[in-house]
């Protein structure tokens, strides 16, 4: 199953739909698939977390998160997952993971998460791609690998459907739920790669060691949508079409 393809802006969405579909994990069975994938990637493949007896990787933030899966249209296999962590309904001031991990490294003169309305912020985390879809040599040691070659060249553009698709799916989740500001702990090269699709991701503090070098960063939901490059707009439209009906009251 290919994870990239040569396309143009006129068929990005339909081309994506030939290979993958975004599946909001809104049932216990689908969330179980999320936790299974995360265990495979974070515990078994990468050793970032301890192996669990039930082979499910979960944490305290799952209960306050919206989860997404990506599934292969051809085989029905789940290729990856991610989540959007929201503020806790019972304790909106409770810290999100990046606030804990980066308590000493955040530059609050750039942005202070504690000063924002908590219902308007979210954190993207646990982005995972299963081993069978991390196809290139050397990618098996990355939870969600991305390389310059995934984007091709201007005459022959390419992009990584799974990773970009999951990110755009989270953006649509954020839009539907009124999340204006998205935080993420990123690998240093991720900002450059997301810039290829028109996403401005801004560092908001010093790098920390967290399963490798990670930089606390921020994105604005509306800016992501407004600034998407033409090549990726049909892809976003296709993904939104799959996500929005699941949350009609959001």
Protein backbone atom coordinates (compact mmCIF):
# COMPACT_ATOMS: atom_id res chain seq x y z
CA UNK A 1 0.00 0.00 0.00
CA UNK A 2 1.62 3.26 -1.07
CA UNK A 3 1.85 6.04 1.48
CA UNK A 4 2.70 8.73 -1.08
CA UNK A 5 1.70 9.53 -4.61
CA UNK A 6 2.40 11.90 -7.47
CA UNK A 7 -0.66 14.11 -7.86
CA UNK A 8 -1.86 17.54 -8.82
CA UNK A 9 -4.18 19.90 -7.03
CA UNK A 10 -7.21 18.80 -9.04
CA UNK A 11 -7.27 15.22 -7.77
CA UNK A 12 -5.63 15.25 -4.33
CA UNK A 13 -8.83 14.46 -2.48
CA UNK A 14 -10.03 11.70 -4.79
CA UNK A 15 -6.55 10.21 -4.94
CA UNK A 16 -6.43 10.09 -1.14
CA UNK A 17 -9.83 8.42 -1.03
CA UNK A 18 -8.56 5.61 -3.26
CA UNK A 19 -6.10 4.57 -0.57
CA UNK A 20 -7.18 5.73 2.88
CA UNK A 21 -10.07 6.89 5.00
CA UNK A 22 -10.11 8.84 8.25
CA UNK A 23 -12.10 7.14 11.01
CA UNK A 24 -13.02 9.08 14.16
CA UNK A 25 -12.63 6.63 17.04
CA UNK A 26 -15.94 7.28 18.76
CA UNK A 27 -16.79 3.75 19.87
CA UNK A 28 -15.07 1.55 22.48
CA UNK A 29 -14.03 -0.89 19.73
CA UNK A 30 -12.40 1.85 17.64
CA UNK A 31 -10.65 3.38 20.65
CA UNK A 32 -9.33 -0.09 21.43
CA UNK A 33 -7.75 -0.09 17.96
CA UNK A 34 -6.10 3.25 18.80
CA UNK A 35 -4.62 1.85 22.00
CA UNK A 36 -3.49 -1.32 20.21
CA UNK A 37 -1.66 0.69 17.52
CA UNK A 38 -0.05 2.91 20.13
CA UNK A 39 1.18 -0.13 22.03
CA UNK A 40 2.64 -1.64 18.88
CA UNK A 41 4.45 1.57 17.97
CA UNK A 42 5.41 3.15 21.31
CA UNK A 43 5.93 0.04 23.42
CA UNK A 44 6.94 -2.79 21.08
CA UNK A 45 8.64 -1.05 18.15
CA UNK A 46 10.22 2.00 19.78
CA UNK A 47 10.43 1.09 23.47
CA UNK A 48 9.27 4.57 24.49
CA UNK A 49 6.79 3.11 26.96
CA UNK A 50 6.80 -0.16 28.93
CA UNK A 51 5.12 -3.18 27.38
CA UNK A 52 1.67 -3.74 28.86
CA UNK A 53 0.18 -7.13 29.58
CA UNK A 54 -3.00 -6.24 27.69
CA UNK A 55 -1.00 -4.86 24.75
CA UNK A 56 -2.83 -1.53 24.93
CA UNK A 57 -1.03 1.79 25.50
CA UNK A 58 -3.18 4.24 27.44
CA UNK A 59 -2.66 7.15 29.79
CA UNK A 60 -4.57 9.59 31.96
CA UNK A 61 -5.24 11.97 29.05
CA UNK A 62 -7.22 9.55 26.90
CA UNK A 63 -10.46 10.24 28.72
CA UNK A 64 -10.26 13.94 27.75
CA UNK A 65 -9.17 13.31 24.16
CA UNK A 66 -10.69 12.94 20.72
CA UNK A 67 -9.10 10.08 18.79
CA UNK A 68 -8.61 9.49 15.06
CA UNK A 69 -7.63 6.44 13.04
CA UNK A 70 -6.58 6.07 9.43
CA UNK A 71 -7.58 2.91 7.59
CA UNK A 72 -6.47 1.37 4.31
CA UNK A 73 -9.39 1.25 1.88
CA UNK A 74 -7.93 -1.75 0.08
CA UNK A 75 -7.11 -4.00 3.03
CA UNK A 76 -9.18 -2.60 5.90
CA UNK A 77 -6.04 -2.41 8.03
CA UNK A 78 -5.57 0.53 10.36
CA UNK A 79 -2.44 2.42 9.33
CA UNK A 80 -2.11 4.99 12.09
CA UNK A 81 -3.74 7.09 14.75
CA UNK A 82 -3.49 10.31 16.71
CA UNK A 83 -5.42 12.25 19.33
CA UNK A 84 -6.45 15.77 20.27
CA UNK A 85 -6.26 16.40 24.01
CA UNK A 86 -8.87 18.83 25.31
CA UNK A 87 -9.13 20.64 28.63
CA UNK A 88 -10.73 18.57 31.35
CA UNK A 89 -14.39 19.40 31.80
CA UNK A 90 -14.18 18.93 35.57
CA UNK A 91 -10.89 20.80 35.96
CA UNK A 92 -10.11 23.08 33.00
CA UNK A 93 -6.93 24.41 34.63
CA UNK A 94 -5.37 20.95 34.83
CA UNK A 95 -2.10 20.90 32.88
CA UNK A 96 -1.77 19.27 29.49
CA UNK A 97 1.21 17.00 28.78
CA UNK A 98 3.32 19.67 27.06
CA UNK A 99 2.78 22.05 29.98
CA UNK A 100 4.17 19.47 32.36
CA UNK A 101 7.06 18.35 30.16
CA UNK A 102 8.06 21.91 29.23
CA UNK A 103 7.32 23.69 32.50
CA UNK A 104 10.86 25.09 32.64
CA UNK A 105 11.42 25.62 28.92
CA UNK A 106 8.30 27.47 27.74
CA UNK A 107 8.82 31.08 26.73
CA UNK A 108 5.66 32.63 28.11
CA UNK A 109 6.48 35.97 26.49
CA UNK A 110 5.58 34.31 23.17
CA UNK A 111 2.43 32.66 24.42
CA UNK A 112 1.24 31.68 27.87
CA UNK A 113 -1.08 28.67 27.73
CA UNK A 114 -2.28 29.41 31.27
CA UNK A 115 -3.59 32.80 30.16
CA UNK A 116 -5.73 31.43 27.33
CA UNK A 117 -9.34 30.25 27.69
CA UNK A 118 -8.81 26.57 28.41
CA UNK A 119 -11.77 25.48 26.30
CA UNK A 120 -10.07 27.03 23.25
CA UNK A 121 -6.78 25.10 23.41
CA UNK A 122 -5.79 21.54 22.60
CA UNK A 123 -2.69 19.40 22.24
CA UNK A 124 -1.89 17.02 19.40
CA UNK A 125 -0.09 13.91 20.58
CA UNK A 126 0.51 10.18 20.14
CA UNK A 127 0.78 10.40 16.35
CA UNK A 128 1.58 6.83 15.34
CA UNK A 129 2.06 4.95 12.08
CA UNK A 130 2.10 1.15 12.19
CA UNK A 131 5.23 -0.70 11.13
CA UNK A 132 3.85 -2.02 7.84
CA UNK A 133 3.37 1.57 6.65
CA UNK A 134 6.76 2.87 7.83
CA UNK A 135 8.28 1.38 4.73
CA UNK A 136 11.68 2.98 4.19
CA UNK A 137 14.90 1.76 5.75
CA UNK A 138 15.58 3.58 8.99
CA UNK A 139 11.97 4.64 9.54
CA UNK A 140 11.17 1.80 11.89
CA UNK A 141 12.68 3.80 14.76
CA UNK A 142 10.30 6.75 14.28
CA UNK A 143 6.67 6.83 15.41
CA UNK A 144 5.59 8.92 12.41
CA UNK A 145 8.44 9.28 9.91
CA UNK A 146 8.57 12.07 7.37
CA UNK A 147 11.30 12.84 4.84
CA UNK A 148 11.99 15.52 2.26
CA UNK A 149 11.47 12.97 -0.49
CA UNK A 150 7.86 12.50 0.60
CA UNK A 151 7.04 15.88 -0.91
CA UNK A 152 8.79 15.30 -4.22
CA UNK A 153 9.63 18.25 -6.46
CA UNK A 154 7.52 21.13 -7.85
CA UNK A 155 7.08 19.37 -11.22
CA UNK A 156 6.15 16.08 -9.52
CA UNK A 157 4.67 16.82 -6.10
CA UNK A 158 4.17 13.99 -3.66
CA UNK A 159 3.05 13.85 -0.06
CA UNK A 160 2.75 11.35 2.79
CA UNK A 161 -0.94 10.57 3.01
CA UNK A 162 -0.91 9.01 6.46
CA UNK A 163 0.98 11.66 8.37
CA UNK A 164 -0.48 14.69 6.61
CA UNK A 165 -3.93 13.13 6.64
CA UNK A 166 -3.87 12.55 10.38
CA UNK A 167 -2.69 16.11 11.02
CA UNK A 168 -5.44 17.56 8.84
CA UNK A 169 -7.97 15.30 10.51
CA UNK A 170 -6.98 16.70 13.91
CA UNK A 171 -7.27 20.23 12.54
CA UNK A 172 -10.84 19.50 11.47
CA UNK A 173 -11.58 18.02 14.89
CA UNK A 174 -10.23 21.20 16.46
CA UNK A 175 -12.33 23.42 14.20
CA UNK A 176 -15.50 21.50 14.96
CA UNK A 177 -14.92 21.72 18.72
CA UNK A 178 -13.95 25.39 18.86
CA UNK A 179 -10.26 24.73 19.53
CA UNK A 180 -8.43 27.81 18.26
CA UNK A 181 -4.88 27.13 19.47
CA UNK A 182 -3.07 23.83 19.00
CA UNK A 183 0.05 22.88 20.92
CA UNK A 184 2.42 20.07 20.01
CA UNK A 185 5.83 18.72 20.99
CA UNK A 186 7.61 18.36 17.66
CA UNK A 187 10.79 16.98 16.25
CA UNK A 188 12.95 19.88 14.99
CA UNK A 189 12.45 18.96 11.33
CA UNK A 190 8.66 18.73 11.57
CA UNK A 191 8.10 22.49 11.37
CA UNK A 192 9.89 22.57 8.02
CA UNK A 193 7.89 19.65 6.69
CA UNK A 194 4.55 21.07 7.81
CA UNK A 195 5.57 24.34 6.18
CA UNK A 196 5.51 22.47 2.87
CA UNK A 197 1.74 22.19 3.12
CA UNK A 198 1.29 25.75 4.33
CA UNK A 199 1.16 25.14 8.09
CA UNK A 200 2.96 27.72 10.21
CA UNK A 201 4.22 26.05 13.37
CA UNK A 202 5.90 28.39 15.83
CA UNK A 203 8.42 27.32 18.51
CA UNK A 204 7.44 28.60 21.96
CA UNK A 205 10.37 27.44 24.04
CA UNK A 206 13.65 25.61 24.28
CA UNK A 207 14.05 22.04 23.10
CA UNK A 208 13.70 19.26 25.65
CA UNK A 209 14.66 15.60 25.67
CA UNK A 210 11.48 13.56 25.36
CA UNK A 211 12.03 10.35 23.39
CA UNK A 212 14.49 12.40 21.35
CA UNK A 213 14.76 16.15 20.88
CA UNK A 214 11.36 17.84 20.99
CA UNK A 215 10.38 21.51 20.70
CA UNK A 216 7.20 22.94 22.23
CA UNK A 217 5.32 24.61 19.40
CA UNK A 218 2.00 26.26 18.63
CA UNK A 219 -0.33 26.47 15.63
CA UNK A 220 -3.56 28.40 15.08
CA UNK A 221 -6.44 26.31 13.73
CA UNK A 222 -7.95 28.99 11.49
CA UNK A 223 -4.54 29.94 10.08
CA UNK A 224 -3.81 26.33 9.17
CA UNK A 225 -7.04 26.08 7.21
CA UNK A 226 -6.71 29.50 5.58
CA UNK A 227 -3.06 29.05 4.59
CA UNK A 228 -3.14 25.52 3.19
CA UNK A 229 -1.42 25.41 -0.16
CA UNK A 230 -3.71 24.74 -3.14
CA UNK A 231 -2.36 21.22 -3.57
CA UNK A 232 -3.66 20.23 -0.14
CA UNK A 233 -7.04 21.93 -0.07
CA UNK A 234 -8.88 19.06 -1.83
CA UNK A 235 -7.26 16.64 0.60
CA UNK A 236 -8.48 18.69 3.55
CA UNK A 237 -11.97 18.80 2.04
CA UNK A 238 -12.03 15.01 1.69
CA UNK A 239 -10.89 14.51 5.26
CA UNK A 240 -13.37 17.05 6.61
CA UNK A 241 -16.13 15.21 4.76
CA UNK A 242 -15.28 12.08 6.74
CA UNK A 243 -14.85 13.77 10.12
CA UNK A 244 -17.64 16.36 10.28
CA UNK A 245 -20.68 14.02 10.06
CA UNK A 246 -19.50 12.14 13.16
CA UNK A 247 -19.68 15.33 15.25
CA UNK A 248 -22.80 17.11 13.91
CA UNK A 249 -23.43 18.87 17.20
CA UNK A 250 -19.88 20.07 17.77
